[in-house]
Each structure stands twice: as C-alpha cells, then as structure tokens.
C-alpha cells in the first residue's frame, strides 16, 4: 500500500486480527473500511517459485549498471568533444527533447527527473554539458544544451492577467486545504 494516507491504512490493517473488521481509516482521498481475511507471515519463497523473477531482476540490474558505465565514459569524453561525436564513439544515440519549461519535473522523451531539469536550467552556451549522468526509469542519460529560448514577452503581456488569476486560485486552494487539515487534526468525532 503506497501513497499519502495509505500508511495509516497499512498500520490499521497490520494491527487488526485475522477475520475481523478494522476501524474506519480516513485518508486525504477517501474513507476505508476493511476486513482482514488472512495474515501470512513474512517468508522467503523457495527459489523454484521465484526463479524467473530473480533472473529478470538480475538481468535488469546488470543492464542498468552497464548503461550507467557507458554513460559515465561518455560524460568523461564530453568535455573534449561535442555530444554527437561522443555518442557515436561509444555506440549511443542522441535525441533531442525539444523545448520545455521549468514547471514540473517531466522532460519530453526522457521522463520525470527533477535533478536533470534543475541542472538543465543552469546550463549556458559557454558550459552546455550537464554535470552528471542521470538515471530515469531505469535508463541512464547525459545531457547538453542545444539552445535556450527566452520567454516571449508579448505572450506574457497578453496572458499576464490570466496567469495572475491562476496563481491566486492555486494559493486560495492551498490555503483552504491547509485550513481543512487544521480543522481535521483538531476535530473530536
């Protein structure tokens, strides 16, 4: 059980006896009522039962380590040459993400990587190489700045009022959520 509020659900479930109904658990998204059907003690299953899963995990781990080593070697060479030449020399491919903004952690064609996104916005034409190898969804990547596109001042002027309204509504929502959480924490039911 993962996610916000599910720690309380998991704690309640593990503290309830087999065959009984647990207490109502209030999470940020819903109320839960549950019955514990059976408790299975922690154990390591026999290798025969999990062999395929273990082999797949080992192959994945080794492939990720190999990709990381290859990316580390490419990063070391990147200071001496451009990204296209380095990628070709180590048998990797170069792909462009296209432009993206600072909002969120998602980078097109790569995935969610807050560290890479933060470092990408610190790159300059004088220092275009990202300082590290980034692991994203089991893959390793290195990055270099192609171009920096300045904000469109004319577009901002036309959308300024709308952006201010959105920011104001977002802050109101956050304030309301904090107030409701404050009331929930002090409520006697």
N, C-alpha and C. Protein backbone atom coordinates (compact mmCIF):
# COMPACT_ATOMS: atom_id res chain seq x y z
N UNK A 1 0.87 -1.18 0.00
CA UNK A 1 0.00 0.00 0.00
C UNK A 1 0.90 1.22 0.00
N UNK A 2 0.80 2.05 -1.04
CA UNK A 2 1.66 3.22 -1.13
C UNK A 2 0.83 4.46 -1.33
N UNK A 3 1.41 5.60 -1.00
CA UNK A 3 0.74 6.87 -1.24
C UNK A 3 0.36 7.55 0.04
N UNK A 4 -0.07 8.81 -0.11
CA UNK A 4 -0.44 9.62 1.03
C UNK A 4 -1.65 9.02 1.72
N UNK A 5 -1.59 8.88 3.03
CA UNK A 5 -2.71 8.36 3.79
C UNK A 5 -2.74 6.85 3.86
N UNK A 6 -2.05 6.17 2.97
CA UNK A 6 -2.08 4.72 2.96
C UNK A 6 -1.19 4.13 4.04
N UNK A 7 -0.28 4.92 4.62
CA UNK A 7 0.50 4.43 5.76
C UNK A 7 -0.44 4.15 6.92
N UNK A 8 -1.43 5.03 7.14
CA UNK A 8 -2.41 4.83 8.20
C UNK A 8 -3.23 3.58 7.93
N UNK A 9 -3.62 3.36 6.69
CA UNK A 9 -4.39 2.18 6.32
C UNK A 9 -3.57 0.92 6.55
N UNK A 10 -2.32 0.93 6.12
CA UNK A 10 -1.44 -0.22 6.33
C UNK A 10 -1.24 -0.51 7.81
N UNK A 11 -1.01 0.52 8.60
CA UNK A 11 -0.83 0.34 10.06
C UNK A 11 -2.08 -0.26 10.68
N UNK A 12 -3.25 0.26 10.28
CA UNK A 12 -4.50 -0.27 10.82
C UNK A 12 -4.70 -1.72 10.41
N UNK A 13 -4.40 -2.05 9.16
CA UNK A 13 -4.59 -3.42 8.68
C UNK A 13 -3.66 -4.39 9.40
N UNK A 14 -2.41 -4.00 9.59
CA UNK A 14 -1.47 -4.91 10.25
C UNK A 14 -1.75 -5.04 11.74
N UNK A 15 -2.48 -4.08 12.32
CA UNK A 15 -2.82 -4.14 13.74
C UNK A 15 -4.15 -4.80 14.02
N UNK A 16 -4.82 -5.30 12.99
CA UNK A 16 -6.13 -5.92 13.14
C UNK A 16 -5.99 -7.44 13.06
N UNK A 17 -6.74 -8.13 13.90
CA UNK A 17 -6.68 -9.59 13.94
C UNK A 17 -7.33 -10.20 12.69
N UNK A 18 -6.89 -11.39 12.30
CA UNK A 18 -7.46 -12.11 11.16
C UNK A 18 -8.95 -12.36 11.40
N UNK A 19 -9.75 -12.21 10.34
CA UNK A 19 -11.17 -12.49 10.42
C UNK A 19 -12.01 -11.37 11.03
N UNK A 20 -11.40 -10.25 11.37
CA UNK A 20 -12.16 -9.15 11.97
C UNK A 20 -12.16 -7.94 11.05
N UNK A 21 -13.14 -7.06 11.30
CA UNK A 21 -13.26 -5.82 10.54
C UNK A 21 -12.47 -4.75 11.28
N UNK A 22 -11.66 -4.01 10.54
CA UNK A 22 -10.84 -2.96 11.14
C UNK A 22 -11.62 -1.67 11.32
N UNK A 23 -11.01 -0.74 11.99
CA UNK A 23 -11.61 0.57 12.22
C UNK A 23 -11.65 1.35 10.90
N UNK A 24 -12.54 2.32 10.81
CA UNK A 24 -12.61 3.19 9.64
C UNK A 24 -11.34 4.02 9.59
N UNK A 25 -10.70 4.06 8.42
CA UNK A 25 -9.47 4.82 8.25
C UNK A 25 -9.75 5.99 7.30
N UNK A 26 -9.46 7.20 7.76
CA UNK A 26 -9.67 8.42 6.98
C UNK A 26 -8.35 8.81 6.34
N UNK A 27 -8.32 8.83 5.00
CA UNK A 27 -7.13 9.28 4.26
C UNK A 27 -7.50 10.56 3.54
N UNK A 28 -6.54 11.27 2.97
CA UNK A 28 -6.87 12.51 2.25
C UNK A 28 -7.80 12.30 1.06
N UNK A 29 -7.87 11.07 0.53
CA UNK A 29 -8.69 10.85 -0.67
C UNK A 29 -9.98 10.10 -0.40
N UNK A 30 -10.07 9.34 0.71
CA UNK A 30 -11.27 8.53 0.94
C UNK A 30 -11.28 7.98 2.36
N UNK A 31 -12.42 7.38 2.73
CA UNK A 31 -12.55 6.62 3.96
C UNK A 31 -12.49 5.15 3.58
N UNK A 32 -11.82 4.33 4.39
CA UNK A 32 -11.69 2.91 4.10
C UNK A 32 -12.22 2.09 5.27
N UNK A 33 -12.98 1.05 4.92
CA UNK A 33 -13.41 0.03 5.86
C UNK A 33 -12.88 -1.27 5.28
N UNK A 34 -12.29 -2.11 6.11
CA UNK A 34 -11.68 -3.33 5.59
C UNK A 34 -11.87 -4.48 6.56
N UNK A 35 -11.70 -5.69 6.05
CA UNK A 35 -11.71 -6.90 6.85
C UNK A 35 -10.44 -7.67 6.53
N UNK A 36 -9.75 -8.12 7.55
CA UNK A 36 -8.53 -8.91 7.36
C UNK A 36 -8.95 -10.36 7.20
N UNK A 37 -8.72 -10.91 6.00
CA UNK A 37 -9.08 -12.29 5.73
C UNK A 37 -8.05 -13.27 6.26
N UNK A 38 -6.76 -12.92 6.10
CA UNK A 38 -5.71 -13.84 6.49
C UNK A 38 -4.42 -13.06 6.68
N UNK A 39 -3.64 -13.50 7.63
CA UNK A 39 -2.31 -12.91 7.81
C UNK A 39 -1.28 -13.97 7.44
N UNK A 40 -0.43 -13.62 6.50
CA UNK A 40 0.61 -14.54 6.04
C UNK A 40 1.93 -14.03 6.61
N UNK A 41 2.61 -14.83 7.42
CA UNK A 41 3.88 -14.37 7.99
C UNK A 41 4.93 -14.12 6.90
N UNK A 42 5.82 -13.18 7.17
CA UNK A 42 6.89 -12.89 6.23
C UNK A 42 7.76 -14.12 6.04
N UNK A 43 8.13 -14.38 4.79
CA UNK A 43 8.97 -15.53 4.50
C UNK A 43 9.64 -15.34 3.14
N UNK A 44 10.68 -16.09 2.92
CA UNK A 44 11.36 -16.09 1.62
C UNK A 44 10.85 -17.32 0.87
N UNK A 45 10.18 -17.11 -0.26
CA UNK A 45 9.66 -18.26 -1.00
C UNK A 45 10.81 -19.10 -1.56
N UNK A 46 10.56 -20.36 -1.85
CA UNK A 46 11.58 -21.22 -2.44
C UNK A 46 12.03 -20.66 -3.79
N UNK A 47 13.29 -20.82 -4.11
CA UNK A 47 13.85 -20.30 -5.35
C UNK A 47 13.09 -20.79 -6.57
N UNK A 48 12.61 -22.01 -6.54
CA UNK A 48 11.88 -22.55 -7.69
C UNK A 48 10.66 -21.70 -8.02
N UNK A 49 10.01 -21.15 -6.99
CA UNK A 49 8.82 -20.33 -7.21
C UNK A 49 9.14 -18.96 -7.79
N UNK A 50 10.31 -18.43 -7.47
CA UNK A 50 10.62 -17.05 -7.86
C UNK A 50 11.80 -16.95 -8.81
N UNK A 51 12.30 -18.07 -9.32
CA UNK A 51 13.49 -18.07 -10.17
C UNK A 51 13.36 -17.09 -11.34
N UNK A 52 12.24 -17.13 -12.06
CA UNK A 52 12.07 -16.26 -13.22
C UNK A 52 12.15 -14.78 -12.82
N UNK A 53 11.50 -14.45 -11.73
CA UNK A 53 11.52 -13.06 -11.25
C UNK A 53 12.94 -12.64 -10.85
N UNK A 54 13.66 -13.51 -10.17
CA UNK A 54 15.03 -13.21 -9.74
C UNK A 54 15.94 -13.03 -10.95
N UNK A 55 15.83 -13.93 -11.93
CA UNK A 55 16.66 -13.83 -13.13
C UNK A 55 16.39 -12.53 -13.88
N UNK A 56 15.11 -12.17 -13.99
CA UNK A 56 14.75 -10.93 -14.67
C UNK A 56 15.31 -9.72 -13.91
N UNK A 57 15.23 -9.73 -12.59
CA UNK A 57 15.75 -8.63 -11.78
C UNK A 57 17.26 -8.50 -11.93
N UNK A 58 17.97 -9.62 -11.96
CA UNK A 58 19.43 -9.60 -12.11
C UNK A 58 19.81 -9.07 -13.49
N UNK A 59 19.10 -9.54 -14.54
CA UNK A 59 19.39 -9.04 -15.89
C UNK A 59 19.15 -7.53 -15.98
N UNK A 60 18.06 -7.08 -15.40
CA UNK A 60 17.74 -5.65 -15.40
C UNK A 60 18.81 -4.86 -14.66
N UNK A 61 19.21 -5.35 -13.51
CA UNK A 61 20.23 -4.66 -12.71
C UNK A 61 21.56 -4.59 -13.46
N UNK A 62 21.95 -5.68 -14.10
CA UNK A 62 23.21 -5.69 -14.85
C UNK A 62 23.13 -4.77 -16.07
N UNK A 63 21.98 -4.75 -16.75
CA UNK A 63 21.82 -3.87 -17.91
C UNK A 63 21.87 -2.41 -17.49
N UNK A 64 21.25 -2.08 -16.36
CA UNK A 64 21.29 -0.71 -15.87
C UNK A 64 22.71 -0.30 -15.48
N UNK A 65 23.45 -1.21 -14.86
CA UNK A 65 24.84 -0.92 -14.47
C UNK A 65 25.71 -0.72 -15.72
N UNK A 66 25.50 -1.54 -16.74
CA UNK A 66 26.25 -1.41 -17.99
C UNK A 66 25.94 -0.07 -18.66
N UNK A 67 24.66 0.29 -18.69
CA UNK A 67 24.26 1.57 -19.29
C UNK A 67 24.86 2.74 -18.51
N UNK A 68 24.89 2.63 -17.20
CA UNK A 68 25.46 3.70 -16.37
C UNK A 68 26.96 3.81 -16.63
N UNK A 69 27.67 2.70 -16.74
CA UNK A 69 29.11 2.73 -17.02
C UNK A 69 29.39 3.35 -18.39
N UNK A 70 28.57 3.00 -19.38
CA UNK A 70 28.73 3.55 -20.72
C UNK A 70 28.47 5.06 -20.70
N UNK A 71 27.45 5.48 -19.97
CA UNK A 71 27.13 6.90 -19.87
C UNK A 71 28.21 7.66 -19.10
N UNK A 72 28.79 7.05 -18.07
CA UNK A 72 29.89 7.67 -17.33
C UNK A 72 31.09 7.90 -18.25
N UNK A 73 31.40 6.90 -19.09
CA UNK A 73 32.51 7.04 -20.03
C UNK A 73 32.21 8.15 -21.04
N UNK A 74 30.98 8.21 -21.50
CA UNK A 74 30.60 9.26 -22.46
C UNK A 74 30.68 10.63 -21.81
N UNK A 75 30.27 10.75 -20.56
CA UNK A 75 30.33 12.03 -19.85
C UNK A 75 31.78 12.50 -19.70
N UNK A 76 32.69 11.57 -19.42
CA UNK A 76 34.10 11.92 -19.28
C UNK A 76 34.66 12.45 -20.59
N UNK A 77 34.20 11.90 -21.72
CA UNK A 77 34.67 12.35 -23.03
C UNK A 77 34.00 13.64 -23.50
N UNK A 78 32.86 13.96 -22.92
CA UNK A 78 32.06 15.09 -23.39
C UNK A 78 32.79 16.42 -23.26
N UNK A 79 33.68 16.54 -22.30
CA UNK A 79 34.44 17.78 -22.15
C UNK A 79 35.42 18.01 -23.29
N UNK A 80 35.79 16.95 -24.01
CA UNK A 80 36.79 17.04 -25.07
C UNK A 80 36.17 17.19 -26.46
N UNK A 81 34.88 16.85 -26.60
CA UNK A 81 34.26 16.84 -27.92
C UNK A 81 32.77 17.16 -27.79
N UNK A 82 32.09 17.25 -28.93
CA UNK A 82 30.65 17.53 -28.89
C UNK A 82 29.88 16.24 -28.62
N UNK A 83 28.63 16.38 -28.24
CA UNK A 83 27.82 15.24 -27.83
C UNK A 83 27.59 14.24 -28.96
N UNK A 84 27.46 14.71 -30.19
CA UNK A 84 27.24 13.81 -31.33
C UNK A 84 28.44 12.88 -31.52
N UNK A 85 29.65 13.44 -31.49
CA UNK A 85 30.87 12.64 -31.68
C UNK A 85 31.07 11.65 -30.54
N UNK A 86 30.81 12.11 -29.32
CA UNK A 86 30.99 11.24 -28.15
C UNK A 86 30.00 10.08 -28.23
N UNK A 87 28.75 10.36 -28.53
CA UNK A 87 27.74 9.31 -28.60
C UNK A 87 28.10 8.28 -29.66
N UNK A 88 28.55 8.75 -30.82
CA UNK A 88 28.93 7.84 -31.90
C UNK A 88 30.11 6.96 -31.49
N UNK A 89 31.07 7.53 -30.78
CA UNK A 89 32.27 6.76 -30.40
C UNK A 89 31.97 5.65 -29.39
N UNK A 90 30.93 5.82 -28.58
CA UNK A 90 30.61 4.78 -27.60
C UNK A 90 29.36 3.98 -27.98
N UNK A 91 28.85 4.20 -29.20
CA UNK A 91 27.73 3.41 -29.69
C UNK A 91 26.38 3.80 -29.09
N UNK A 92 26.23 5.05 -28.72
CA UNK A 92 24.96 5.54 -28.19
C UNK A 92 24.30 6.46 -29.19
N UNK A 93 23.04 6.77 -28.95
CA UNK A 93 22.34 7.66 -29.86
C UNK A 93 22.01 8.97 -29.15
N UNK A 94 21.85 10.03 -29.93
CA UNK A 94 21.50 11.35 -29.41
C UNK A 94 20.08 11.64 -29.87
N UNK A 95 19.28 12.13 -28.95
CA UNK A 95 17.91 12.51 -29.28
C UNK A 95 17.66 13.86 -28.63
N UNK A 96 16.84 14.67 -29.27
CA UNK A 96 16.51 15.99 -28.74
C UNK A 96 15.17 15.93 -28.04
N UNK A 97 15.08 16.59 -26.89
CA UNK A 97 13.82 16.61 -26.15
C UNK A 97 12.86 17.62 -26.74
N UNK A 98 13.39 18.63 -27.41
CA UNK A 98 12.56 19.76 -27.80
C UNK A 98 12.50 20.72 -26.62
N UNK A 99 11.93 21.89 -26.81
CA UNK A 99 11.89 22.86 -25.72
C UNK A 99 10.96 22.41 -24.59
N UNK A 100 11.31 22.78 -23.37
CA UNK A 100 10.45 22.52 -22.21
C UNK A 100 10.63 23.66 -21.21
N UNK A 101 9.63 23.80 -20.34
CA UNK A 101 9.65 24.90 -19.37
C UNK A 101 10.12 24.40 -18.00
N UNK A 102 10.25 25.32 -17.07
CA UNK A 102 10.71 24.98 -15.72
C UNK A 102 9.66 24.26 -14.90
N UNK A 103 8.40 24.35 -15.27
CA UNK A 103 7.33 23.79 -14.47
C UNK A 103 7.39 22.27 -14.43
N UNK A 104 7.21 21.72 -13.25
CA UNK A 104 7.17 20.27 -13.07
C UNK A 104 8.55 19.64 -13.23
N UNK A 105 8.58 18.32 -13.14
CA UNK A 105 9.84 17.58 -13.27
C UNK A 105 9.93 16.80 -14.57
N UNK A 106 8.84 16.81 -15.36
CA UNK A 106 8.79 16.00 -16.58
C UNK A 106 9.57 16.68 -17.71
N UNK A 107 10.36 15.86 -18.41
CA UNK A 107 11.11 16.32 -19.58
C UNK A 107 10.68 15.46 -20.76
N UNK A 108 10.23 16.07 -21.86
CA UNK A 108 9.78 15.28 -23.01
C UNK A 108 10.84 14.29 -23.48
N UNK A 109 10.40 13.10 -23.86
CA UNK A 109 11.23 12.00 -24.37
C UNK A 109 12.17 11.40 -23.33
N UNK A 110 12.20 11.95 -22.12
CA UNK A 110 13.06 11.40 -21.07
C UNK A 110 12.22 10.86 -19.92
N UNK A 111 11.36 11.69 -19.40
CA UNK A 111 10.54 11.31 -18.26
C UNK A 111 10.74 12.29 -17.11
N UNK A 112 10.35 11.88 -15.94
CA UNK A 112 10.44 12.75 -14.77
C UNK A 112 11.82 12.64 -14.13
N UNK A 113 12.53 13.76 -14.09
CA UNK A 113 13.83 13.82 -13.44
C UNK A 113 14.05 15.24 -12.95
N UNK A 114 13.74 15.45 -11.68
CA UNK A 114 13.88 16.79 -11.09
C UNK A 114 15.33 17.27 -11.13
N UNK A 115 16.28 16.37 -10.86
CA UNK A 115 17.70 16.75 -10.86
C UNK A 115 18.16 17.20 -12.24
N UNK A 116 17.81 16.44 -13.26
CA UNK A 116 18.20 16.80 -14.62
C UNK A 116 17.55 18.11 -15.03
N UNK A 117 16.29 18.29 -14.70
CA UNK A 117 15.60 19.52 -15.08
C UNK A 117 16.24 20.72 -14.39
N UNK A 118 16.56 20.58 -13.11
CA UNK A 118 17.20 21.67 -12.37
C UNK A 118 18.55 22.01 -13.00
N UNK A 119 19.34 20.98 -13.28
CA UNK A 119 20.66 21.21 -13.89
C UNK A 119 20.54 21.76 -15.30
N UNK A 120 19.53 21.35 -16.05
CA UNK A 120 19.35 21.82 -17.43
C UNK A 120 19.16 23.32 -17.48
N UNK A 121 18.46 23.89 -16.49
CA UNK A 121 18.23 25.33 -16.49
C UNK A 121 19.42 26.12 -15.95
N UNK A 122 20.46 25.42 -15.53
CA UNK A 122 21.70 26.09 -15.14
C UNK A 122 22.74 26.04 -16.25
N UNK A 123 22.45 25.33 -17.35
CA UNK A 123 23.39 25.23 -18.46
C UNK A 123 23.41 26.53 -19.25
N UNK A 124 24.56 26.84 -19.81
CA UNK A 124 24.72 28.05 -20.62
C UNK A 124 25.42 27.67 -21.92
N UNK A 125 25.38 28.55 -22.92
CA UNK A 125 26.10 28.25 -24.16
C UNK A 125 27.61 28.06 -23.93
N UNK A 126 28.17 28.73 -22.91
CA UNK A 126 29.59 28.56 -22.59
C UNK A 126 29.86 27.23 -21.88
N UNK A 127 28.90 26.75 -21.12
CA UNK A 127 29.03 25.48 -20.40
C UNK A 127 27.77 24.66 -20.66
N UNK A 128 27.69 24.04 -21.86
CA UNK A 128 26.46 23.36 -22.26
C UNK A 128 26.29 21.93 -21.74
N UNK A 129 27.32 21.31 -21.17
CA UNK A 129 27.20 19.92 -20.74
C UNK A 129 26.66 19.83 -19.31
N UNK A 130 25.68 18.95 -19.11
CA UNK A 130 25.16 18.69 -17.78
C UNK A 130 26.26 17.99 -16.97
N UNK A 131 26.33 18.25 -15.66
CA UNK A 131 27.46 17.78 -14.85
C UNK A 131 27.43 16.32 -14.43
N UNK A 132 26.37 15.59 -14.72
CA UNK A 132 26.27 14.23 -14.19
C UNK A 132 25.56 13.30 -15.18
N UNK A 133 25.57 12.03 -14.82
CA UNK A 133 24.78 11.03 -15.52
C UNK A 133 23.49 10.91 -14.72
N UNK A 134 22.35 10.93 -15.41
CA UNK A 134 21.05 10.91 -14.74
C UNK A 134 20.36 9.58 -15.01
N UNK A 135 19.82 8.98 -13.97
CA UNK A 135 19.06 7.74 -14.11
C UNK A 135 17.59 8.10 -14.13
N UNK A 136 16.91 7.70 -15.21
CA UNK A 136 15.50 7.99 -15.38
C UNK A 136 14.80 6.71 -15.84
N UNK A 137 13.91 6.19 -15.03
CA UNK A 137 13.13 4.99 -15.37
C UNK A 137 14.02 3.83 -15.81
N UNK A 138 15.10 3.62 -15.10
CA UNK A 138 15.99 2.50 -15.41
C UNK A 138 16.98 2.77 -16.52
N UNK A 139 16.93 3.93 -17.14
CA UNK A 139 17.88 4.29 -18.19
C UNK A 139 18.84 5.34 -17.67
N UNK A 140 20.00 5.43 -18.30
CA UNK A 140 20.98 6.45 -17.95
C UNK A 140 21.09 7.42 -19.12
N UNK A 141 21.21 8.70 -18.78
CA UNK A 141 21.38 9.66 -19.86
C UNK A 141 22.31 10.79 -19.42
N UNK A 142 22.94 11.38 -20.43
CA UNK A 142 23.72 12.59 -20.23
C UNK A 142 23.03 13.66 -21.08
N UNK A 143 23.29 14.91 -20.77
CA UNK A 143 22.57 15.96 -21.48
C UNK A 143 23.49 17.11 -21.82
N UNK A 144 23.13 17.80 -22.89
CA UNK A 144 23.84 19.00 -23.31
C UNK A 144 22.81 20.00 -23.83
N UNK A 145 23.07 21.26 -23.58
CA UNK A 145 22.17 22.32 -24.02
C UNK A 145 22.30 22.54 -25.51
N UNK A 146 21.19 22.52 -26.22
CA UNK A 146 21.20 22.85 -27.64
C UNK A 146 20.95 24.34 -27.80
N UNK A 147 19.89 24.83 -27.18
CA UNK A 147 19.59 26.26 -27.24
C UNK A 147 18.71 26.64 -26.05
N UNK A 148 18.77 27.89 -25.71
CA UNK A 148 17.93 28.45 -24.67
C UNK A 148 16.98 29.42 -25.35
N UNK A 149 15.70 29.20 -25.17
CA UNK A 149 14.68 30.04 -25.80
C UNK A 149 14.16 31.02 -24.75
N UNK A 150 14.38 32.31 -24.95
CA UNK A 150 13.91 33.29 -23.96
C UNK A 150 12.38 33.34 -23.92
N UNK A 151 11.87 33.79 -22.79
CA UNK A 151 10.42 33.91 -22.63
C UNK A 151 9.88 34.92 -23.63
N UNK A 152 8.68 34.69 -24.12
CA UNK A 152 8.02 35.57 -25.07
C UNK A 152 7.31 36.68 -24.30
N UNK A 153 7.91 37.85 -24.29
CA UNK A 153 7.38 38.99 -23.52
C UNK A 153 5.99 39.40 -24.01
N UNK A 154 5.75 39.37 -25.31
CA UNK A 154 4.45 39.75 -25.84
C UNK A 154 3.37 38.77 -25.38
N UNK A 155 3.68 37.49 -25.43
CA UNK A 155 2.73 36.48 -24.98
C UNK A 155 2.45 36.65 -23.49
N UNK A 156 3.51 36.96 -22.71
CA UNK A 156 3.32 37.17 -21.27
C UNK A 156 2.39 38.35 -21.01
N UNK A 157 2.57 39.42 -21.76
CA UNK A 157 1.71 40.61 -21.56
C UNK A 157 0.25 40.27 -21.80
N UNK A 158 -0.02 39.45 -22.83
CA UNK A 158 -1.41 39.11 -23.12
C UNK A 158 -1.98 38.10 -22.12
N UNK A 159 -1.14 37.27 -21.53
CA UNK A 159 -1.61 36.24 -20.61
C UNK A 159 -1.39 36.58 -19.15
N UNK A 160 -0.82 37.75 -18.87
CA UNK A 160 -0.45 38.12 -17.51
C UNK A 160 -1.65 38.05 -16.55
N UNK A 161 -2.77 38.63 -16.93
CA UNK A 161 -3.94 38.64 -16.05
C UNK A 161 -4.43 37.21 -15.78
N UNK A 162 -4.44 36.39 -16.80
CA UNK A 162 -4.87 35.00 -16.64
C UNK A 162 -3.91 34.24 -15.72
N UNK A 163 -2.62 34.44 -15.90
CA UNK A 163 -1.62 33.78 -15.05
C UNK A 163 -1.74 34.22 -13.60
N UNK A 164 -1.96 35.51 -13.39
CA UNK A 164 -2.14 36.01 -12.02
C UNK A 164 -3.39 35.41 -11.38
N UNK A 165 -4.46 35.31 -12.17
CA UNK A 165 -5.70 34.71 -11.67
C UNK A 165 -5.47 33.24 -11.30
N UNK A 166 -4.76 32.49 -12.15
CA UNK A 166 -4.48 31.08 -11.87
C UNK A 166 -3.65 30.93 -10.60
N UNK A 167 -2.63 31.79 -10.45
CA UNK A 167 -1.78 31.73 -9.25
C UNK A 167 -2.60 32.04 -8.01
N UNK A 168 -3.47 33.04 -8.10
CA UNK A 168 -4.32 33.41 -6.98
C UNK A 168 -5.26 32.26 -6.59
N UNK A 169 -5.87 31.62 -7.59
CA UNK A 169 -6.77 30.49 -7.32
C UNK A 169 -6.01 29.31 -6.70
N UNK A 170 -4.79 29.07 -7.18
CA UNK A 170 -3.97 28.00 -6.63
C UNK A 170 -3.65 28.27 -5.17
N UNK A 171 -3.29 29.52 -4.84
CA UNK A 171 -2.99 29.88 -3.45
C UNK A 171 -4.22 29.78 -2.57
N UNK A 172 -5.38 30.18 -3.09
CA UNK A 172 -6.62 30.05 -2.33
C UNK A 172 -6.90 28.58 -2.02
N UNK A 173 -6.72 27.74 -3.02
CA UNK A 173 -6.93 26.30 -2.83
C UNK A 173 -6.00 25.72 -1.80
N UNK A 174 -4.73 26.13 -1.83
CA UNK A 174 -3.76 25.63 -0.86
C UNK A 174 -4.13 26.10 0.54
N UNK A 175 -4.56 27.37 0.67
CA UNK A 175 -4.95 27.91 1.98
C UNK A 175 -6.16 27.15 2.51
N UNK A 176 -7.14 26.87 1.65
CA UNK A 176 -8.33 26.14 2.07
C UNK A 176 -7.97 24.72 2.50
N UNK A 177 -7.09 24.06 1.75
CA UNK A 177 -6.67 22.71 2.10
C UNK A 177 -5.96 22.69 3.45
N UNK A 178 -5.08 23.67 3.69
CA UNK A 178 -4.39 23.75 4.97
C UNK A 178 -5.38 23.99 6.11
N UNK A 179 -6.38 24.84 5.88
CA UNK A 179 -7.37 25.12 6.90
C UNK A 179 -8.20 23.87 7.21
N UNK A 180 -8.63 23.14 6.19
CA UNK A 180 -9.40 21.91 6.40
C UNK A 180 -8.56 20.88 7.15
N UNK A 181 -7.29 20.74 6.79
CA UNK A 181 -6.41 19.80 7.50
C UNK A 181 -6.22 20.22 8.95
N UNK A 182 -6.15 21.52 9.20
CA UNK A 182 -6.04 22.06 10.56
C UNK A 182 -7.29 21.69 11.35
N UNK A 183 -8.47 21.87 10.73
CA UNK A 183 -9.73 21.53 11.41
C UNK A 183 -9.84 20.03 11.66
N UNK A 184 -9.44 19.22 10.68
CA UNK A 184 -9.50 17.76 10.86
C UNK A 184 -8.61 17.30 12.00
N UNK A 185 -7.43 17.90 12.11
CA UNK A 185 -6.48 17.49 13.15
C UNK A 185 -7.01 17.80 14.55
N UNK A 186 -7.86 18.81 14.67
CA UNK A 186 -8.36 19.22 15.98
C UNK A 186 -9.81 18.82 16.23
N UNK A 187 -10.41 18.07 15.31
CA UNK A 187 -11.82 17.69 15.45
C UNK A 187 -11.96 16.50 16.39
N UNK A 188 -13.02 16.56 17.18
CA UNK A 188 -13.37 15.43 18.06
C UNK A 188 -14.64 14.80 17.50
N UNK A 189 -14.50 13.55 17.07
CA UNK A 189 -15.65 12.87 16.49
C UNK A 189 -16.07 11.74 17.40
